[in-house]
Amino acid sequence: MKITLRSTFAVGGTSGAERASKGGAQTVDLEEGATVRDLLWALPSLGPSEQWDDIMIHVFVNGELKGYDYPLRNGDVVDLHIPVSGG
């Protein structure tokens, strides 16, 4: 199935992803039944999964905040955000 990885604040490119022609979105091929966690594992720039809680990755699927166990569907649009603050 194909997932569109649209917004990836502070997250680099993916393995096996193709750049879309508009807005820098990427199309990621995943197997049927893949979860948000499976998508994150496909992003080597995130580092090891045991560190994900430390970087507070917020995952939005079709505009709604979802957890790592959320099952993705063909055509879903995913936005990844790592909240930051300054002071």
N, C-alpha and C. Protein backbone atom coordinates (compact mmCIF):
# COMPACT_ATOMS: atom_id res chain seq x y z
N MET A 1 0.84 -1.17 0.00
CA MET A 1 0.00 0.00 0.00
C MET A 1 0.88 1.23 0.00
N LYS A 2 0.34 2.33 -0.46
CA LYS A 2 1.10 3.57 -0.55
C LYS A 2 0.59 4.59 0.46
N ILE A 3 1.53 5.16 1.20
CA ILE A 3 1.26 6.19 2.19
C ILE A 3 1.97 7.45 1.74
N THR A 4 1.32 8.59 1.87
CA THR A 4 1.98 9.86 1.56
C THR A 4 2.51 10.45 2.85
N LEU A 5 3.80 10.65 2.90
CA LEU A 5 4.46 11.27 4.04
C LEU A 5 4.66 12.73 3.63
N ARG A 6 3.81 13.60 4.18
CA ARG A 6 3.74 14.97 3.69
C ARG A 6 4.64 15.91 4.47
N SER A 7 4.45 16.00 5.74
CA SER A 7 5.19 16.95 6.55
C SER A 7 6.08 16.18 7.51
N THR A 8 7.36 16.47 7.48
CA THR A 8 8.30 15.73 8.33
C THR A 8 9.23 16.71 9.02
N PHE A 9 8.69 17.52 9.91
CA PHE A 9 9.52 18.49 10.61
C PHE A 9 10.64 17.78 11.35
N ALA A 10 11.86 18.14 11.05
CA ALA A 10 13.06 17.60 11.71
C ALA A 10 13.27 16.11 11.45
N VAL A 11 12.63 15.57 10.42
CA VAL A 11 12.79 14.16 10.08
C VAL A 11 13.31 14.09 8.66
N GLY A 12 14.37 13.34 8.44
CA GLY A 12 14.98 13.26 7.11
C GLY A 12 14.25 12.32 6.18
N GLY A 13 14.90 12.01 5.07
CA GLY A 13 14.31 11.17 4.03
C GLY A 13 14.12 9.74 4.46
N THR A 14 13.37 9.01 3.66
CA THR A 14 13.07 7.63 3.99
C THR A 14 13.77 6.69 3.03
N SER A 15 13.97 5.48 3.46
CA SER A 15 14.53 4.45 2.60
C SER A 15 13.45 3.96 1.65
N GLY A 16 13.73 3.95 0.37
CA GLY A 16 12.77 3.45 -0.60
C GLY A 16 11.64 4.40 -0.91
N ALA A 17 11.73 5.64 -0.47
CA ALA A 17 10.65 6.60 -0.72
C ALA A 17 10.91 7.33 -2.03
N GLU A 18 9.84 7.67 -2.68
CA GLU A 18 9.95 8.43 -3.92
C GLU A 18 9.45 9.83 -3.65
N ARG A 19 10.17 10.82 -4.14
CA ARG A 19 9.74 12.21 -4.00
C ARG A 19 8.54 12.45 -4.91
N ALA A 20 7.50 13.04 -4.34
CA ALA A 20 6.34 13.42 -5.14
C ALA A 20 6.66 14.72 -5.86
N SER A 21 5.89 15.04 -6.85
CA SER A 21 6.18 16.21 -7.66
C SER A 21 5.79 17.51 -6.98
N LYS A 22 4.93 17.48 -5.96
CA LYS A 22 4.47 18.71 -5.32
C LYS A 22 4.85 18.73 -3.86
N GLY A 23 5.34 19.85 -3.40
CA GLY A 23 5.52 20.11 -1.99
C GLY A 23 6.52 19.24 -1.26
N GLY A 24 7.31 18.46 -1.96
CA GLY A 24 8.30 17.65 -1.27
C GLY A 24 7.73 16.46 -0.55
N ALA A 25 6.46 16.12 -0.77
CA ALA A 25 5.88 14.95 -0.14
C ALA A 25 6.55 13.70 -0.68
N GLN A 26 6.51 12.65 0.12
CA GLN A 26 7.11 11.38 -0.28
C GLN A 26 6.05 10.30 -0.27
N THR A 27 6.17 9.38 -1.20
CA THR A 27 5.31 8.21 -1.21
C THR A 27 6.12 7.05 -0.65
N VAL A 28 5.57 6.41 0.36
CA VAL A 28 6.24 5.30 1.02
C VAL A 28 5.41 4.04 0.79
N ASP A 29 6.04 2.99 0.30
CA ASP A 29 5.37 1.70 0.11
C ASP A 29 5.50 0.88 1.38
N LEU A 30 4.36 0.43 1.90
CA LEU A 30 4.33 -0.42 3.09
C LEU A 30 3.45 -1.63 2.79
N GLU A 31 3.64 -2.68 3.55
CA GLU A 31 2.81 -3.87 3.39
C GLU A 31 1.43 -3.64 4.01
N GLU A 32 0.43 -4.31 3.48
CA GLU A 32 -0.91 -4.23 4.05
C GLU A 32 -0.86 -4.57 5.54
N GLY A 33 -1.61 -3.86 6.33
CA GLY A 33 -1.63 -4.10 7.76
C GLY A 33 -0.58 -3.34 8.54
N ALA A 34 0.23 -2.54 7.84
CA ALA A 34 1.30 -1.78 8.51
C ALA A 34 0.69 -0.74 9.46
N THR A 35 1.41 -0.49 10.52
CA THR A 35 0.99 0.50 11.52
C THR A 35 1.87 1.74 11.42
N VAL A 36 1.52 2.75 12.20
CA VAL A 36 2.35 3.95 12.29
C VAL A 36 3.77 3.55 12.70
N ARG A 37 3.89 2.63 13.64
CA ARG A 37 5.22 2.16 14.08
C ARG A 37 6.03 1.60 12.90
N ASP A 38 5.38 0.82 12.04
CA ASP A 38 6.07 0.26 10.87
C ASP A 38 6.56 1.38 9.96
N LEU A 39 5.76 2.41 9.79
CA LEU A 39 6.19 3.54 8.99
C LEU A 39 7.41 4.21 9.62
N LEU A 40 7.37 4.42 10.92
CA LEU A 40 8.50 5.06 11.60
C LEU A 40 9.77 4.22 11.48
N TRP A 41 9.63 2.89 11.55
CA TRP A 41 10.80 2.02 11.38
C TRP A 41 11.42 2.18 10.00
N ALA A 42 10.61 2.59 9.02
CA ALA A 42 11.10 2.78 7.65
C ALA A 42 11.87 4.10 7.48
N LEU A 43 11.95 4.88 8.56
CA LEU A 43 12.63 6.18 8.51
C LEU A 43 13.93 6.11 9.31
N PRO A 44 15.03 5.72 8.67
CA PRO A 44 16.28 5.54 9.41
C PRO A 44 16.78 6.80 10.10
N SER A 45 16.38 7.96 9.63
CA SER A 45 16.87 9.19 10.23
C SER A 45 16.30 9.44 11.62
N LEU A 46 15.27 8.68 12.03
CA LEU A 46 14.71 8.86 13.37
C LEU A 46 15.55 8.21 14.46
N GLY A 47 16.43 7.32 14.07
CA GLY A 47 17.24 6.61 15.06
C GLY A 47 16.48 5.42 15.61
N PRO A 48 17.03 4.79 16.65
CA PRO A 48 16.41 3.58 17.20
C PRO A 48 15.06 3.87 17.86
N SER A 49 14.13 2.92 17.72
CA SER A 49 12.77 3.12 18.22
C SER A 49 12.70 3.33 19.73
N GLU A 50 13.67 2.80 20.47
CA GLU A 50 13.62 3.00 21.93
C GLU A 50 13.85 4.47 22.32
N GLN A 51 14.24 5.30 21.37
CA GLN A 51 14.45 6.72 21.65
C GLN A 51 13.28 7.59 21.19
N TRP A 52 12.27 7.01 20.58
CA TRP A 52 11.18 7.82 20.03
C TRP A 52 10.43 8.59 21.10
N ASP A 53 10.19 8.00 22.26
CA ASP A 53 9.49 8.72 23.32
C ASP A 53 10.29 9.93 23.77
N ASP A 54 11.61 9.82 23.73
CA ASP A 54 12.46 10.94 24.13
C ASP A 54 12.33 12.13 23.19
N ILE A 55 12.02 11.88 21.91
CA ILE A 55 11.91 12.98 20.97
C ILE A 55 10.45 13.36 20.70
N MET A 56 9.53 12.73 21.38
CA MET A 56 8.11 13.11 21.33
C MET A 56 7.59 13.29 19.91
N ILE A 57 7.63 12.25 19.13
CA ILE A 57 7.11 12.32 17.77
C ILE A 57 5.58 12.35 17.82
N HIS A 58 5.01 13.38 17.22
CA HIS A 58 3.56 13.45 17.08
C HIS A 58 3.22 13.04 15.66
N VAL A 59 2.34 12.06 15.54
CA VAL A 59 1.98 11.51 14.22
C VAL A 59 0.52 11.84 13.94
N PHE A 60 0.30 12.52 12.84
CA PHE A 60 -1.05 12.84 12.40
C PHE A 60 -1.34 12.05 11.13
N VAL A 61 -2.45 11.32 11.14
CA VAL A 61 -2.88 10.56 9.97
C VAL A 61 -4.17 11.21 9.49
N ASN A 62 -4.14 11.70 8.27
CA ASN A 62 -5.29 12.41 7.70
C ASN A 62 -5.77 13.52 8.62
N GLY A 63 -4.82 14.21 9.25
CA GLY A 63 -5.13 15.36 10.08
C GLY A 63 -5.49 15.06 11.52
N GLU A 64 -5.48 13.79 11.93
CA GLU A 64 -5.84 13.42 13.30
C GLU A 64 -4.65 12.78 14.01
N LEU A 65 -4.41 13.18 15.26
CA LEU A 65 -3.32 12.63 16.05
C LEU A 65 -3.59 11.14 16.31
N LYS A 66 -2.59 10.30 16.03
CA LYS A 66 -2.73 8.85 16.19
C LYS A 66 -1.54 8.28 16.94
N GLY A 67 -1.73 7.11 17.54
CA GLY A 67 -0.67 6.41 18.27
C GLY A 67 0.11 5.49 17.35
N TYR A 68 1.18 4.93 17.88
CA TYR A 68 2.07 4.07 17.10
C TYR A 68 1.40 2.79 16.62
N ASP A 69 0.37 2.32 17.31
CA ASP A 69 -0.30 1.07 16.92
C ASP A 69 -1.43 1.28 15.92
N TYR A 70 -1.65 2.50 15.51
CA TYR A 70 -2.74 2.79 14.58
C TYR A 70 -2.47 2.13 13.22
N PRO A 71 -3.43 1.35 12.69
CA PRO A 71 -3.23 0.69 11.39
C PRO A 71 -3.43 1.68 10.25
N LEU A 72 -2.46 1.75 9.37
CA LEU A 72 -2.54 2.64 8.22
C LEU A 72 -3.32 1.98 7.10
N ARG A 73 -3.89 2.82 6.23
CA ARG A 73 -4.62 2.33 5.07
C ARG A 73 -4.04 2.95 3.81
N ASN A 74 -4.20 2.26 2.72
CA ASN A 74 -3.74 2.77 1.43
C ASN A 74 -4.28 4.18 1.21
N GLY A 75 -3.40 5.10 0.83
CA GLY A 75 -3.82 6.47 0.54
C GLY A 75 -3.77 7.41 1.72
N ASP A 76 -3.47 6.91 2.93
CA ASP A 76 -3.38 7.79 4.09
C ASP A 76 -2.30 8.85 3.87
N VAL A 77 -2.53 10.03 4.45
CA VAL A 77 -1.55 11.10 4.43
C VAL A 77 -1.06 11.28 5.85
N VAL A 78 0.27 11.18 6.04
CA VAL A 78 0.87 11.22 7.36
C VAL A 78 1.74 12.46 7.49
N ASP A 79 1.58 13.15 8.61
CA ASP A 79 2.43 14.29 8.97
C ASP A 79 3.13 13.94 10.27
N LEU A 80 4.44 14.10 10.31
CA LEU A 80 5.24 13.85 11.51
C LEU A 80 5.76 15.18 12.04
N HIS A 81 5.58 15.38 13.34
CA HIS A 81 6.06 16.62 13.96
C HIS A 81 6.78 16.30 15.25
N ILE A 82 7.89 16.96 15.44
CA ILE A 82 8.63 16.86 16.69
C ILE A 82 8.53 18.24 17.34
N PRO A 83 7.71 18.37 18.38
CA PRO A 83 7.52 19.68 18.98
C PRO A 83 8.82 20.21 19.55
N VAL A 84 9.03 21.49 19.39
CA VAL A 84 10.23 22.14 19.93
C VAL A 84 9.81 23.42 20.63
N SER A 85 10.63 23.86 21.52
CA SER A 85 10.38 25.14 22.19
C SER A 85 11.70 25.83 22.44
N GLY A 86 11.64 27.04 22.71
CA GLY A 86 12.86 27.81 22.99
C GLY A 86 12.60 28.76 24.15
N GLY A 87 13.63 29.41 24.55
CA GLY A 87 13.38 30.28 25.66
C GLY A 87 14.47 31.25 25.91
